[in-house]
Amino acid sequence: MSHVNALPPEEQDAFASLILEEIESEKRWDELFASSQGQLAQLAGQAIAEYKAGKTKPLDPERDL
């Protein structure tokens, strides 16, 4: 953090604001991810069932762009 201390006060404030925004963004992402676990589990179950039923095909990144 000594690099930040060397910045002018207005740049330190801008840096602090950026860090706080990033923390809030991470918090929102964590909350959204945590609240979607049931839906993700359901989708995973459907994908596995489709795979086991032979309803899937291998992904070919060259062809499936």
PDB file of N, CA and C in Angstrom:
ATOM      1  N   MET A   1       0.797  -1.200   0.000  1.00  0.00           N
ATOM      2  CA  MET A   1       0.000   0.000   0.000  1.00  0.00           C
ATOM      3  C   MET A   1       0.843   1.268   0.000  1.00  0.00           C
ATOM      4  N   SER A   2       2.127   1.134   0.170  1.00  0.00           N
ATOM      5  CA  SER A   2       2.954   2.339   0.191  1.00  0.00           C
ATOM      6  C   SER A   2       2.882   3.081  -1.144  1.00  0.00           C
ATOM      7  N   HIS A   3       2.613   2.371  -2.219  1.00  0.00           N
ATOM      8  CA  HIS A   3       2.464   3.022  -3.520  1.00  0.00           C
ATOM      9  C   HIS A   3       1.237   3.938  -3.516  1.00  0.00           C
ATOM     10  N   VAL A   4       0.176   3.487  -2.890  1.00  0.00           N
ATOM     11  CA  VAL A   4      -1.044   4.285  -2.827  1.00  0.00           C
ATOM     12  C   VAL A   4      -0.810   5.532  -1.983  1.00  0.00           C
ATOM     13  N   ASN A   5      -0.078   5.380  -0.901  1.00  0.00           N
ATOM     14  CA  ASN A   5       0.206   6.531  -0.032  1.00  0.00           C
ATOM     15  C   ASN A   5       1.003   7.612  -0.755  1.00  0.00           C
ATOM     16  N   ALA A   6       1.719   7.215  -1.792  1.00  0.00           N
ATOM     17  CA  ALA A   6       2.530   8.185  -2.530  1.00  0.00           C
ATOM     18  C   ALA A   6       1.699   8.984  -3.528  1.00  0.00           C
ATOM     19  N   LEU A   7       0.485   8.563  -3.778  1.00  0.00           N
ATOM     20  CA  LEU A   7      -0.387   9.264  -4.721  1.00  0.00           C
ATOM     21  C   LEU A   7      -0.955  10.541  -4.100  1.00  0.00           C
ATOM     22  N   PRO A   8      -1.312  11.487  -4.941  1.00  0.00           N
ATOM     23  CA  PRO A   8      -1.997  12.688  -4.421  1.00  0.00           C
ATOM     24  C   PRO A   8      -3.329  12.284  -3.781  1.00  0.00           C
ATOM     25  N   PRO A   9      -3.827  13.058  -2.830  1.00  0.00           N
ATOM     26  CA  PRO A   9      -5.059  12.712  -2.107  1.00  0.00           C
ATOM     27  C   PRO A   9      -6.249  12.384  -3.009  1.00  0.00           C
ATOM     28  N   GLU A  10      -6.444  13.147  -4.101  1.00  0.00           N
ATOM     29  CA  GLU A  10      -7.596  12.877  -4.970  1.00  0.00           C
ATOM     30  C   GLU A  10      -7.449  11.518  -5.671  1.00  0.00           C
ATOM     31  N   GLU A  11      -6.231  11.116  -6.000  1.00  0.00           N
ATOM     32  CA  GLU A  11      -6.016   9.806  -6.618  1.00  0.00           C
ATOM     33  C   GLU A  11      -6.180   8.687  -5.580  1.00  0.00           C
ATOM     34  N   GLN A  12      -5.784   8.964  -4.338  1.00  0.00           N
ATOM     35  CA  GLN A  12      -6.009   7.993  -3.273  1.00  0.00           C
ATOM     36  C   GLN A  12      -7.504   7.762  -3.077  1.00  0.00           C
ATOM     37  N   ASP A  13      -8.271   8.855  -3.112  1.00  0.00           N
ATOM     38  CA  ASP A  13      -9.731   8.741  -2.968  1.00  0.00           C
ATOM     39  C   ASP A  13     -10.329   7.943  -4.119  1.00  0.00           C
ATOM     40  N   ALA A  14      -9.854   8.216  -5.330  1.00  0.00           N
ATOM     41  CA  ALA A  14     -10.355   7.488  -6.502  1.00  0.00           C
ATOM     42  C   ALA A  14     -10.018   6.001  -6.378  1.00  0.00           C
ATOM     43  N   PHE A  15      -8.824   5.694  -5.927  1.00  0.00           N
ATOM     44  CA  PHE A  15      -8.406   4.310  -5.735  1.00  0.00           C
ATOM     45  C   PHE A  15      -9.275   3.635  -4.675  1.00  0.00           C
ATOM     46  N   ALA A  16      -9.508   4.324  -3.584  1.00  0.00           N
ATOM     47  CA  ALA A  16     -10.337   3.768  -2.508  1.00  0.00           C
ATOM     48  C   ALA A  16     -11.756   3.518  -3.006  1.00  0.00           C
ATOM     49  N   SER A  17     -12.300   4.435  -3.782  1.00  0.00           N
ATOM     50  CA  SER A  17     -13.647   4.259  -4.337  1.00  0.00           C
ATOM     51  C   SER A  17     -13.709   3.044  -5.239  1.00  0.00           C
ATOM     52  N   LEU A  18     -12.689   2.877  -6.050  1.00  0.00           N
ATOM     53  CA  LEU A  18     -12.623   1.726  -6.949  1.00  0.00           C
ATOM     54  C   LEU A  18     -12.599   0.420  -6.159  1.00  0.00           C
ATOM     55  N   ILE A  19     -11.800   0.370  -5.125  1.00  0.00           N
ATOM     56  CA  ILE A  19     -11.703  -0.838  -4.290  1.00  0.00           C
ATOM     57  C   ILE A  19     -13.041  -1.114  -3.613  1.00  0.00           C
ATOM     58  N   LEU A  20     -13.683  -0.084  -3.076  1.00  0.00           N
ATOM     59  CA  LEU A  20     -14.980  -0.268  -2.420  1.00  0.00           C
ATOM     60  C   LEU A  20     -16.044  -0.752  -3.401  1.00  0.00           C
ATOM     61  N   GLU A  21     -16.034  -0.225  -4.624  1.00  0.00           N
ATOM     62  CA  GLU A  21     -16.971  -0.682  -5.649  1.00  0.00           C
ATOM     63  C   GLU A  21     -16.731  -2.156  -5.975  1.00  0.00           C
ATOM     64  N   GLU A  22     -15.474  -2.545  -6.061  1.00  0.00           N
ATOM     65  CA  GLU A  22     -15.131  -3.938  -6.360  1.00  0.00           C
ATOM     66  C   GLU A  22     -15.599  -4.859  -5.234  1.00  0.00           C
ATOM     67  N   ILE A  23     -15.433  -4.432  -4.015  1.00  0.00           N
ATOM     68  CA  ILE A  23     -15.887  -5.224  -2.863  1.00  0.00           C
ATOM     69  C   ILE A  23     -17.400  -5.401  -2.913  1.00  0.00           C
ATOM     70  N   GLU A  24     -18.125  -4.332  -3.208  1.00  0.00           N
ATOM     71  CA  GLU A  24     -19.586  -4.412  -3.310  1.00  0.00           C
ATOM     72  C   GLU A  24     -20.012  -5.322  -4.455  1.00  0.00           C
ATOM     73  N   SER A  25     -19.305  -5.243  -5.561  1.00  0.00           N
ATOM     74  CA  SER A  25     -19.613  -6.090  -6.716  1.00  0.00           C
ATOM     75  C   SER A  25     -19.404  -7.565  -6.362  1.00  0.00           C
ATOM     76  N   GLU A  26     -18.313  -7.872  -5.684  1.00  0.00           N
ATOM     77  CA  GLU A  26     -18.042  -9.243  -5.255  1.00  0.00           C
ATOM     78  C   GLU A  26     -19.117  -9.737  -4.289  1.00  0.00           C
ATOM     79  N   LYS A  27     -19.543  -8.860  -3.400  1.00  0.00           N
ATOM     80  CA  LYS A  27     -20.588  -9.207  -2.431  1.00  0.00           C
ATOM     81  C   LYS A  27     -21.897  -9.536  -3.150  1.00  0.00           C
ATOM     82  N   ARG A  28     -22.270  -8.699  -4.129  1.00  0.00           N
ATOM     83  CA  ARG A  28     -23.489  -8.957  -4.904  1.00  0.00           C
ATOM     84  C   ARG A  28     -23.377 -10.279  -5.661  1.00  0.00           C
ATOM     85  N   TRP A  29     -22.212 -10.530  -6.281  1.00  0.00           N
ATOM     86  CA  TRP A  29     -22.007 -11.770  -7.019  1.00  0.00           C
ATOM     87  C   TRP A  29     -22.153 -12.967  -6.071  1.00  0.00           C
ATOM     88  N   ASP A  30     -21.527 -12.898  -4.912  1.00  0.00           N
ATOM     89  CA  ASP A  30     -21.619 -13.988  -3.936  1.00  0.00           C
ATOM     90  C   ASP A  30     -23.068 -14.239  -3.530  1.00  0.00           C
ATOM     91  N   GLU A  31     -23.829 -13.168  -3.300  1.00  0.00           N
ATOM     92  CA  GLU A  31     -25.232 -13.316  -2.906  1.00  0.00           C
ATOM     93  C   GLU A  31     -26.060 -13.934  -4.036  1.00  0.00           C
ATOM     94  N   LEU A  32     -25.845 -13.471  -5.262  1.00  0.00           N
ATOM     95  CA  LEU A  32     -26.578 -14.022  -6.404  1.00  0.00           C
ATOM     96  C   LEU A  32     -26.227 -15.487  -6.627  1.00  0.00           C
ATOM     97  N   PHE A  33     -24.952 -15.812  -6.530  1.00  0.00           N
ATOM     98  CA  PHE A  33     -24.508 -17.189  -6.725  1.00  0.00           C
ATOM     99  C   PHE A  33     -25.087 -18.097  -5.639  1.00  0.00           C
ATOM    100  N   ALA A  34     -25.056 -17.635  -4.406  1.00  0.00           N
ATOM    101  CA  ALA A  34     -25.588 -18.432  -3.297  1.00  0.00           C
ATOM    102  C   ALA A  34     -27.088 -18.663  -3.453  1.00  0.00           C
ATOM    103  N   SER A  35     -27.797 -17.666  -3.950  1.00  0.00           N
ATOM    104  CA  SER A  35     -29.247 -17.806  -4.074  1.00  0.00           C
ATOM    105  C   SER A  35     -29.659 -18.633  -5.291  1.00  0.00           C
ATOM    106  N   SER A  36     -28.719 -18.960  -6.164  1.00  0.00           N
ATOM    107  CA  SER A  36     -29.065 -19.713  -7.372  1.00  0.00           C
ATOM    108  C   SER A  36     -28.641 -21.180  -7.295  1.00  0.00           C
ATOM    109  N   GLN A  37     -28.182 -21.643  -6.143  1.00  0.00           N
ATOM    110  CA  GLN A  37     -27.680 -23.010  -6.039  1.00  0.00           C
ATOM    111  C   GLN A  37     -28.735 -24.056  -6.393  1.00  0.00           C
ATOM    112  N   GLY A  38     -29.962 -23.861  -5.970  1.00  0.00           N
ATOM    113  CA  GLY A  38     -31.021 -24.814  -6.283  1.00  0.00           C
ATOM    114  C   GLY A  38     -31.257 -24.907  -7.780  1.00  0.00           C
ATOM    115  N   GLN A  39     -31.312 -23.768  -8.424  1.00  0.00           N
ATOM    116  CA  GLN A  39     -31.528 -23.736  -9.867  1.00  0.00           C
ATOM    117  C   GLN A  39     -30.342 -24.362 -10.604  1.00  0.00           C
ATOM    118  N   LEU A  40     -29.115 -24.067 -10.150  1.00  0.00           N
ATOM    119  CA  LEU A  40     -27.939 -24.649 -10.781  1.00  0.00           C
ATOM    120  C   LEU A  40     -27.926 -26.167 -10.617  1.00  0.00           C
ATOM    121  N   ALA A  41     -28.305 -26.652  -9.456  1.00  0.00           N
ATOM    122  CA  ALA A  41     -28.352 -28.099  -9.220  1.00  0.00           C
ATOM    123  C   ALA A  41     -29.390 -28.755 -10.129  1.00  0.00           C
ATOM    124  N   GLN A  42     -30.523 -28.097 -10.298  1.00  0.00           N
ATOM    125  CA  GLN A  42     -31.570 -28.619 -11.176  1.00  0.00           C
ATOM    126  C   GLN A  42     -31.075 -28.685 -12.624  1.00  0.00           C
ATOM    127  N   LEU A  43     -30.433 -27.635 -13.083  1.00  0.00           N
ATOM    128  CA  LEU A  43     -29.900 -27.612 -14.446  1.00  0.00           C
ATOM    129  C   LEU A  43     -28.820 -28.677 -14.639  1.00  0.00           C
ATOM    130  N   ALA A  44     -27.981 -28.853 -13.630  1.00  0.00           N
ATOM    131  CA  ALA A  44     -26.947 -29.885 -13.709  1.00  0.00           C
ATOM    132  C   ALA A  44     -27.588 -31.263 -13.804  1.00  0.00           C
ATOM    133  N   GLY A  45     -28.625 -31.489 -13.019  1.00  0.00           N
ATOM    134  CA  GLY A  45     -29.334 -32.772 -13.071  1.00  0.00           C
ATOM    135  C   GLY A  45     -29.941 -33.022 -14.441  1.00  0.00           C
ATOM    136  N   GLN A  46     -30.520 -31.992 -15.028  1.00  0.00           N
ATOM    137  CA  GLN A  46     -31.090 -32.128 -16.371  1.00  0.00           C
ATOM    138  C   GLN A  46     -30.001 -32.441 -17.397  1.00  0.00           C
ATOM    139  N   ALA A  47     -28.874 -31.776 -17.279  1.00  0.00           N
ATOM    140  CA  ALA A  47     -27.773 -32.006 -18.219  1.00  0.00           C
ATOM    141  C   ALA A  47     -27.257 -33.436 -18.100  1.00  0.00           C
ATOM    142  N   ILE A  48     -27.123 -33.924 -16.891  1.00  0.00           N
ATOM    143  CA  ILE A  48     -26.652 -35.295 -16.682  1.00  0.00           C
ATOM    144  C   ILE A  48     -27.653 -36.293 -17.247  1.00  0.00           C
ATOM    145  N   ALA A  49     -28.931 -36.044 -17.019  1.00  0.00           N
ATOM    146  CA  ALA A  49     -29.974 -36.940 -17.537  1.00  0.00           C
ATOM    147  C   ALA A  49     -29.953 -36.961 -19.064  1.00  0.00           C
ATOM    148  N   GLU A  50     -29.786 -35.803 -19.694  1.00  0.00           N
ATOM    149  CA  GLU A  50     -29.712 -35.754 -21.149  1.00  0.00           C
ATOM    150  C   GLU A  50     -28.484 -36.488 -21.668  1.00  0.00           C
ATOM    151  N   TYR A  51     -27.368 -36.342 -20.957  1.00  0.00           N
ATOM    152  CA  TYR A  51     -26.144 -37.046 -21.352  1.00  0.00           C
ATOM    153  C   TYR A  51     -26.350 -38.554 -21.267  1.00  0.00           C
ATOM    154  N   LYS A  52     -26.902 -39.011 -20.145  1.00  0.00           N
ATOM    155  CA  LYS A  52     -27.125 -40.449 -19.951  1.00  0.00           C
ATOM    156  C   LYS A  52     -28.136 -41.007 -20.955  1.00  0.00           C
ATOM    157  N   ALA A  53     -29.057 -40.171 -21.415  1.00  0.00           N
ATOM    158  CA  ALA A  53     -30.061 -40.604 -22.391  1.00  0.00           C
ATOM    159  C   ALA A  53     -29.529 -40.525 -23.823  1.00  0.00           C
ATOM    160  N   GLY A  54     -28.293 -40.105 -23.979  1.00  0.00           N
ATOM    161  CA  GLY A  54     -27.697 -40.027 -25.307  1.00  0.00           C
ATOM    162  C   GLY A  54     -28.184 -38.847 -26.126  1.00  0.00           C
ATOM    163  N   LYS A  55     -28.685 -37.820 -25.462  1.00  0.00           N
ATOM    164  CA  LYS A  55     -29.232 -36.659 -26.165  1.00  0.00           C
ATOM    165  C   LYS A  55     -28.211 -35.535 -26.356  1.00  0.00           C
ATOM    166  N   THR A  56     -26.957 -35.813 -26.076  1.00  0.00           N
ATOM    167  CA  THR A  56     -25.927 -34.784 -26.216  1.00  0.00           C
ATOM    168  C   THR A  56     -24.949 -35.194 -27.301  1.00  0.00           C
ATOM    169  N   LYS A  57     -24.143 -34.251 -27.731  1.00  0.00           N
ATOM    170  CA  LYS A  57     -23.093 -34.557 -28.696  1.00  0.00           C
ATOM    171  C   LYS A  57     -21.836 -33.817 -28.263  1.00  0.00           C
ATOM    172  N   PRO A  58     -20.682 -34.331 -28.640  1.00  0.00           N
ATOM    173  CA  PRO A  58     -19.428 -33.669 -28.255  1.00  0.00           C
ATOM    174  C   PRO A  58     -19.351 -32.258 -28.846  1.00  0.00           C
ATOM    175  N   LEU A  59     -18.754 -31.368 -28.109  1.00  0.00           N
ATOM    176  CA  LEU A  59     -18.571 -30.002 -28.567  1.00  0.00           C
ATOM    177  C   LEU A  59     -17.328 -29.950 -29.445  1.00  0.00           C
ATOM    178  N   ASP A  60     -17.464 -29.376 -30.613  1.00  0.00           N
ATOM    179  CA  ASP A  60     -16.326 -29.173 -31.517  1.00  0.00           C
ATOM    180  C   ASP A  60     -16.139 -27.673 -31.656  1.00  0.00           C
ATOM    181  N   PRO A  61     -15.198 -27.098 -30.903  1.00  0.00           N
ATOM    182  CA  PRO A  61     -15.012 -25.643 -30.915  1.00  0.00           C
ATOM    183  C   PRO A  61     -14.710 -25.082 -32.305  1.00  0.00           C
ATOM    184  N   GLU A  62     -14.069 -25.849 -33.146  1.00  0.00           N
ATOM    185  CA  GLU A  62     -13.761 -25.379 -34.496  1.00  0.00           C
ATOM    186  C   GLU A  62     -15.030 -25.264 -35.343  1.00  0.00           C
ATOM    187  N   ARG A  63     -15.947 -26.188 -35.157  1.00  0.00           N
ATOM    188  CA  ARG A  63     -17.158 -26.223 -35.948  1.00  0.00           C
ATOM    189  C   ARG A  63     -18.293 -25.420 -35.309  1.00  0.00           C
ATOM    190  N   ASP A  64     -18.331 -25.403 -33.968  1.00  0.00           N
ATOM    191  CA  ASP A  64     -19.467 -24.825 -33.249  1.00  0.00           C
ATOM    192  C   ASP A  64     -19.227 -23.381 -32.822  1.00  0.00           C
ATOM    193  N   LEU A  65     -18.586 -22.599 -33.649  1.00  0.00           N
ATOM    194  CA  LEU A  65     -18.328 -21.203 -33.287  1.00  0.00           C
ATOM    195  C   LEU A  65     -19.552 -20.399 -33.383  1.00  0.00           C
TER     196      LEU A  65
END
